[in-house]
Protein backbone atom coordinates (compact mmCIF):
# COMPACT_ATOMS: atom_id res chain seq x y z
CA UNK A 1 4.82 62.01 4.27
CA UNK A 2 1.55 60.98 5.93
CA UNK A 3 -1.93 60.76 4.46
CA UNK A 4 -5.18 61.83 6.13
CA UNK A 5 -8.68 60.82 5.12
CA UNK A 6 -11.09 63.62 4.31
CA UNK A 7 -14.73 64.05 3.38
CA UNK A 8 -16.70 66.88 1.89
CA UNK A 9 -20.27 67.66 2.88
CA UNK A 10 -22.88 70.13 1.70
CA UNK A 11 -24.42 71.68 4.81
CA UNK A 12 -27.77 73.35 5.49
CA UNK A 13 -29.31 71.54 2.56
CA UNK A 14 -30.82 68.16 1.67
CA UNK A 15 -29.49 68.35 -1.90
CA UNK A 16 -25.92 67.78 -3.09
CA UNK A 17 -24.24 70.77 -4.73
CA UNK A 18 -26.42 73.19 -2.79
CA UNK A 19 -25.86 74.61 0.69
CA UNK A 20 -22.40 75.41 2.05
CA UNK A 21 -19.55 73.01 1.13
CA UNK A 22 -17.39 71.81 4.02
CA UNK A 23 -14.20 69.77 4.21
CA UNK A 24 -13.98 67.39 7.18
CA UNK A 25 -10.84 65.63 8.40
CA UNK A 26 -12.31 62.87 10.61
CA UNK A 27 -9.05 61.94 12.39
CA UNK A 28 -6.79 64.97 12.59
CA UNK A 29 -4.56 63.75 15.42
CA UNK A 30 -0.94 64.59 14.64
CA UNK A 31 -1.59 67.64 12.48
CA UNK A 32 0.06 70.87 13.59
CA UNK A 33 -1.71 74.25 13.56
CA UNK A 34 0.28 75.25 10.48
CA UNK A 35 -0.63 72.03 8.67
CA UNK A 36 -4.33 72.54 9.44
CA UNK A 37 -4.15 76.04 8.01
CA UNK A 38 -2.30 74.80 4.93
CA UNK A 39 -4.85 72.04 4.30
CA UNK A 40 -7.68 74.53 4.66
CA UNK A 41 -6.13 76.74 2.00
CA UNK A 42 -5.71 73.69 -0.22
CA UNK A 43 -9.37 72.69 0.09
CA UNK A 44 -10.20 76.36 -0.62
CA UNK A 45 -13.68 76.20 0.92
CA UNK A 46 -15.18 78.68 3.38
CA UNK A 47 -14.18 76.39 6.24
CA UNK A 48 -12.50 73.08 7.04
CA UNK A 49 -13.12 71.24 10.31
CA UNK A 50 -10.61 68.94 11.98
CA UNK A 51 -11.97 66.30 14.37
CA UNK A 52 -9.82 65.36 17.36
CA UNK A 53 -10.25 63.29 20.54
CA UNK A 54 -12.00 65.27 23.29
CA UNK A 55 -10.05 66.74 26.20
CA UNK A 56 -12.88 65.57 28.50
CA UNK A 57 -13.77 61.89 27.94
CA UNK A 58 -17.40 62.72 28.77
CA UNK A 59 -17.58 64.64 25.48
CA UNK A 60 -17.79 63.12 22.02
CA UNK A 61 -15.04 64.95 20.12
CA UNK A 62 -13.09 68.16 19.82
CA UNK A 63 -13.41 70.37 16.73
CA UNK A 64 -10.97 72.88 15.30
CA UNK A 65 -12.35 75.09 12.55
CA UNK A 66 -10.32 77.08 10.03
CA UNK A 67 -11.15 79.54 7.27
CA UNK A 68 -8.54 80.06 4.51
CA UNK A 69 -7.21 82.98 6.59
CA UNK A 70 -7.38 81.93 10.25
CA UNK A 71 -8.80 79.63 12.93
CA UNK A 72 -12.34 80.27 14.17
CA UNK A 73 -13.47 79.74 17.79
CA UNK A 74 -16.85 78.64 16.46
CA UNK A 75 -18.72 78.39 13.16
CA UNK A 76 -22.14 76.96 12.43
CA UNK A 77 -21.90 74.92 9.25
CA UNK A 78 -18.73 73.09 10.38
CA UNK A 79 -20.44 72.22 13.67
CA UNK A 80 -23.48 70.78 11.89
CA UNK A 81 -21.42 69.02 9.20
CA UNK A 82 -18.89 67.54 11.63
CA UNK A 83 -21.70 66.36 13.92
CA UNK A 84 -23.33 64.44 11.09
CA UNK A 85 -20.00 63.05 9.91
CA UNK A 86 -19.27 61.77 13.43
CA UNK A 87 -22.79 60.38 13.80
CA UNK A 88 -22.59 58.52 10.49
CA UNK A 89 -19.13 57.06 11.21
CA UNK A 90 -19.98 55.98 14.78
CA UNK A 91 -23.65 55.15 14.15
CA UNK A 92 -24.82 57.69 16.72
CA UNK A 93 -28.16 59.39 17.22
CA UNK A 94 -29.54 61.59 19.98
CA UNK A 95 -27.34 63.91 22.03
CA UNK A 96 -23.60 64.34 21.50
CA UNK A 97 -21.27 66.95 23.00
CA UNK A 98 -18.57 68.72 21.02
CA UNK A 99 -15.66 70.76 22.35
CA UNK A 100 -14.97 73.93 20.37
CA UNK A 101 -12.66 76.80 21.23
CA UNK A 102 -15.82 78.78 22.11
CA UNK A 103 -17.13 76.19 24.58
CA UNK A 104 -18.88 72.84 24.76
CA UNK A 105 -21.78 72.57 22.33
CA UNK A 106 -24.58 70.03 22.90
CA UNK A 107 -25.79 68.72 19.53
CA UNK A 108 -29.00 66.79 18.91
CA UNK A 109 -28.69 64.28 16.03
CA UNK A 110 -31.82 63.00 14.29
CA UNK A 111 -30.52 60.07 12.26
CA UNK A 112 -33.97 58.63 11.50
CA UNK A 113 -34.96 61.22 8.92
CA UNK A 114 -34.46 60.49 5.19
CA UNK A 115 -31.72 63.15 5.35
CA UNK A 116 -30.28 63.27 8.90
CA UNK A 117 -30.20 66.60 10.72
CA UNK A 118 -28.22 68.14 13.55
CA UNK A 119 -29.18 70.95 15.92
CA UNK A 120 -26.63 72.55 18.24
CA UNK A 121 -27.21 74.81 21.21
CA UNK A 122 -24.79 77.71 21.39
CA UNK A 123 -23.46 78.22 24.94
CA UNK A 124 -22.66 81.83 23.95
CA UNK A 125 -25.79 83.99 23.98
CA UNK A 126 -25.94 86.81 21.40
CA UNK A 127 -25.24 90.32 22.62
CA UNK A 128 -24.10 93.68 21.30
CA UNK A 129 -20.30 93.67 21.23
CA UNK A 130 -19.35 97.23 20.40
CA UNK A 131 -20.11 100.03 17.94
CA UNK A 132 -21.17 99.50 14.33
CA UNK A 133 -20.26 101.63 11.29
CA UNK A 134 -22.48 104.37 9.98
CA UNK A 135 -25.19 103.06 7.65
CA UNK A 136 -23.77 105.08 4.76
CA UNK A 137 -20.41 103.28 5.06
CA UNK A 138 -22.16 99.91 4.88
CA UNK A 139 -24.20 101.00 1.87
CA UNK A 140 -21.00 102.00 0.08
CA UNK A 141 -19.18 98.80 1.04
CA UNK A 142 -21.93 96.65 -0.51
CA UNK A 143 -22.94 98.95 -3.39
CA UNK A 144 -26.42 99.48 -1.92
CA UNK A 145 -28.73 102.34 -2.91
CA UNK A 146 -28.35 105.39 -0.71
CA UNK A 147 -30.84 105.29 2.16
CA UNK A 148 -31.61 101.58 1.78
CA UNK A 149 -30.05 100.48 5.09
CA UNK A 150 -32.46 100.76 8.03
CA UNK A 151 -31.45 103.62 10.30
CA UNK A 152 -34.34 103.14 12.75
CA UNK A 153 -35.14 100.21 15.01
CA UNK A 154 -33.07 97.79 12.91
CA UNK A 155 -30.07 100.11 12.77
CA UNK A 156 -26.64 98.51 12.16
CA UNK A 157 -25.19 96.75 15.20
CA UNK A 158 -22.18 94.64 16.09
CA UNK A 159 -23.53 91.39 17.54
CA UNK A 160 -21.69 88.29 18.63
CA UNK A 161 -22.45 84.82 19.98
CA UNK A 162 -19.00 83.27 19.98
CA UNK A 163 -17.95 85.22 16.87
CA UNK A 164 -18.89 88.76 15.85
CA UNK A 165 -20.64 90.22 12.80
CA UNK A 166 -22.09 93.54 11.71
CA UNK A 167 -25.84 93.18 11.14
CA UNK A 168 -27.96 95.53 9.07
CA UNK A 169 -31.33 95.41 7.36
CA UNK A 170 -32.43 96.51 3.89
CA UNK A 171 -35.35 95.81 1.54
CA UNK A 172 -35.27 92.40 -0.17
CA UNK A 173 -34.45 93.79 -3.61
CA UNK A 174 -31.51 95.75 -2.20
CA UNK A 175 -30.23 92.62 -0.44
CA UNK A 176 -30.43 90.64 -3.68
CA UNK A 177 -28.40 93.29 -5.51
CA UNK A 178 -25.59 93.73 -2.97
CA UNK A 179 -22.03 93.59 -4.34
CA UNK A 180 -18.75 94.22 -2.54
CA UNK A 181 -17.07 97.53 -3.40
CA UNK A 182 -13.47 96.73 -2.48
CA UNK A 183 -12.33 100.33 -2.02
CA UNK A 184 -15.28 101.20 0.21
CA UNK A 185 -14.95 97.91 2.12
CA UNK A 186 -11.47 98.93 3.24
CA UNK A 187 -13.04 101.85 5.13
CA UNK A 188 -14.81 99.41 7.48
CA UNK A 189 -13.17 98.48 10.78
CA UNK A 190 -13.31 94.68 10.65
CA UNK A 191 -10.97 94.03 13.58
CA UNK A 192 -12.40 91.23 15.71
CA UNK A 193 -15.20 90.47 13.25
CA UNK A 194 -15.82 87.67 10.78
CA UNK A 195 -17.95 89.67 8.33
CA UNK A 196 -21.19 91.53 7.74
CA UNK A 197 -24.67 90.05 7.51
CA UNK A 198 -27.27 91.87 5.42
CA UNK A 199 -30.85 90.74 6.00
CA UNK A 200 -34.39 91.33 4.79
CA UNK A 201 -37.67 90.01 6.11
CA UNK A 202 -39.27 87.23 4.05
CA UNK A 203 -37.53 85.63 1.13
CA UNK A 204 -37.69 83.44 -1.94
CA UNK A 205 -39.72 80.69 -0.29
CA UNK A 206 -42.99 80.73 1.60
CA UNK A 207 -42.23 80.35 5.28
CA UNK A 208 -38.85 82.08 5.12
CA UNK A 209 -38.43 84.43 8.06
CA UNK A 210 -35.32 86.17 6.73
CA UNK A 211 -33.33 86.28 3.50
CA UNK A 212 -29.68 86.96 4.30
CA UNK A 213 -26.27 87.37 2.72
CA UNK A 214 -22.92 87.27 4.52
CA UNK A 215 -19.71 88.79 3.20
CA UNK A 216 -16.31 88.09 4.80
CA UNK A 217 -13.44 88.83 2.40
CA UNK A 218 -11.02 89.37 5.30
CA UNK A 219 -11.62 85.74 6.30
CA UNK A 220 -10.91 84.61 2.74
CA UNK A 221 -14.65 84.22 2.06
CA UNK A 222 -15.96 86.88 -0.36
CA UNK A 223 -19.51 85.57 0.19
CA UNK A 224 -20.76 82.61 2.24
CA UNK A 225 -23.63 80.35 1.11
CA UNK A 226 -24.80 79.58 4.67
CA UNK A 227 -23.51 81.06 7.93
CA UNK A 228 -24.67 79.28 11.05
CA UNK A 229 -22.49 81.45 13.28
CA UNK A 230 -24.23 84.58 12.05
CA UNK A 231 -27.62 82.86 12.35
CA UNK A 232 -26.78 82.21 16.02
CA UNK A 233 -26.23 85.96 16.51
CA UNK A 234 -29.22 87.16 14.47
CA UNK A 235 -31.68 86.77 17.38
CA UNK A 236 -29.62 89.30 19.29
CA UNK A 237 -30.06 91.86 16.53
CA UNK A 238 -33.79 91.18 16.21
CA UNK A 239 -34.36 91.32 19.99
CA UNK A 240 -32.74 94.77 20.08
CA UNK A 241 -34.79 95.92 17.08
CA UNK A 242 -38.31 94.82 18.00
CA UNK A 243 -40.26 93.35 20.89
CA UNK A 244 -40.21 89.55 21.00
CA UNK A 245 -42.90 87.82 23.03
CA UNK A 246 -41.75 85.56 25.82
CA UNK A 247 -41.52 81.91 24.87
CA UNK A 248 -40.22 79.81 21.99
CA UNK A 249 -39.74 81.14 18.45
CA UNK A 250 -38.87 79.20 15.30
CA UNK A 251 -37.41 81.00 12.29
CA UNK A 252 -36.18 79.86 8.89
CA UNK A 253 -33.23 81.72 7.38
CA UNK A 254 -32.50 81.31 3.69
CA UNK A 255 -29.12 82.16 2.22
CA UNK A 256 -26.94 81.41 -0.80
CA UNK A 257 -29.57 82.01 -3.50
CA UNK A 258 -27.54 84.69 -5.26
CA UNK A 259 -24.61 82.23 -5.41
CA UNK A 260 -26.64 79.33 -6.83
CA UNK A 261 -26.20 77.46 -3.49
CA UNK A 262 -29.60 77.77 -1.77
CA UNK A 263 -29.43 76.99 1.94
CA UNK A 264 -31.92 76.59 4.79
CA UNK A 265 -30.93 77.35 8.38
CA UNK A 266 -33.41 76.66 11.16
CA UNK A 267 -33.25 78.86 14.27
CA UNK A 268 -34.99 77.97 17.51
CA UNK A 269 -34.81 80.57 20.26
CA UNK A 270 -36.31 81.17 23.65
CA UNK A 271 -36.96 84.62 25.07
CA UNK A 272 -37.87 85.95 28.49
CA UNK A 273 -38.45 89.59 29.36
CA UNK A 274 -37.52 90.56 25.81
CA UNK A 275 -34.05 88.99 26.15
CA UNK A 276 -32.73 85.93 24.32
CA UNK A 277 -32.22 83.06 26.78
CA UNK A 278 -31.33 80.20 24.41
CA UNK A 279 -30.43 79.77 20.74
CA UNK A 280 -30.33 76.52 18.80
CA UNK A 281 -29.27 76.21 15.15
CA UNK A 282 -30.18 73.23 13.01
CA UNK A 283 -30.23 71.85 9.53
CA UNK A 284 -29.50 68.95 7.25
CA UNK A 285 -26.27 67.96 5.49
CA UNK A 286 -25.33 65.45 2.81
CA UNK A 287 -21.99 63.75 2.13
CA UNK A 288 -20.51 64.52 -1.28
CA UNK A 289 -16.99 63.10 -1.61
CA UNK A 290 -14.16 61.41 0.26
CA UNK A 291 -10.50 60.76 -0.30
CA UNK A 292 -7.01 61.10 1.13
CA UNK A 293 -4.65 64.03 1.25
CA UNK A 294 -0.89 63.84 1.83
CA UNK A 295 0.87 66.15 4.28
């Protein structure tokens, strides 16, 4: 039997017990794939991230990210949380580079703030990745009022930027009231997708660009408090739904309010000719606990 140190962090928040909880194993060398999956189920959080030595010594570390059901090529809140865990342990600030299964992610650490932040650039640009379900199927799957899902410019789409989600828009009150209907959910084709992201313009706080909720029961996550991977794909949905001026845009996405885990995700994107040319996702995270787990 061997023991491994672990930490837990709350990500996309400056306040403990808000945001999205994350388990971090800072030195995962020696763990098998099966052991990583078992530990993730034991922590029973949306995701657990395992930090390993990089394959390329020019990079800072390698990350492997698991949900309770399977390994992810990329996910946002583990990337932010692991970055800040590494930065704190190694006393780093500025640019680091992390190897994920979905590519090498540059991450900018700002360690001088009262609550340190991390911002990663996704090497995978968002794009439409196949057909989406009929709006009526999505309304049924999330117990939404008939006709509430936008069928016009913001029609449902399958968008991915390393991982894929269904995106669809509804009025804010409908988004707040969404609930999974298990029988109707089974009618959705979720092969190759993490989950569905339901969004509305505005939100609970002044300055919020979008209020979102993400449901992924097939990943073992009935609802997620903050989904950086979906936030990285959201610009692709918006760019296909409305004209975006060329240049830099900064959005704030709020999530997790219906779960009592309010989260703030900051999106920075660059557009040219109406197309998304760069996406960066940032936010704060705070350490919550640490300990050892035996394998």
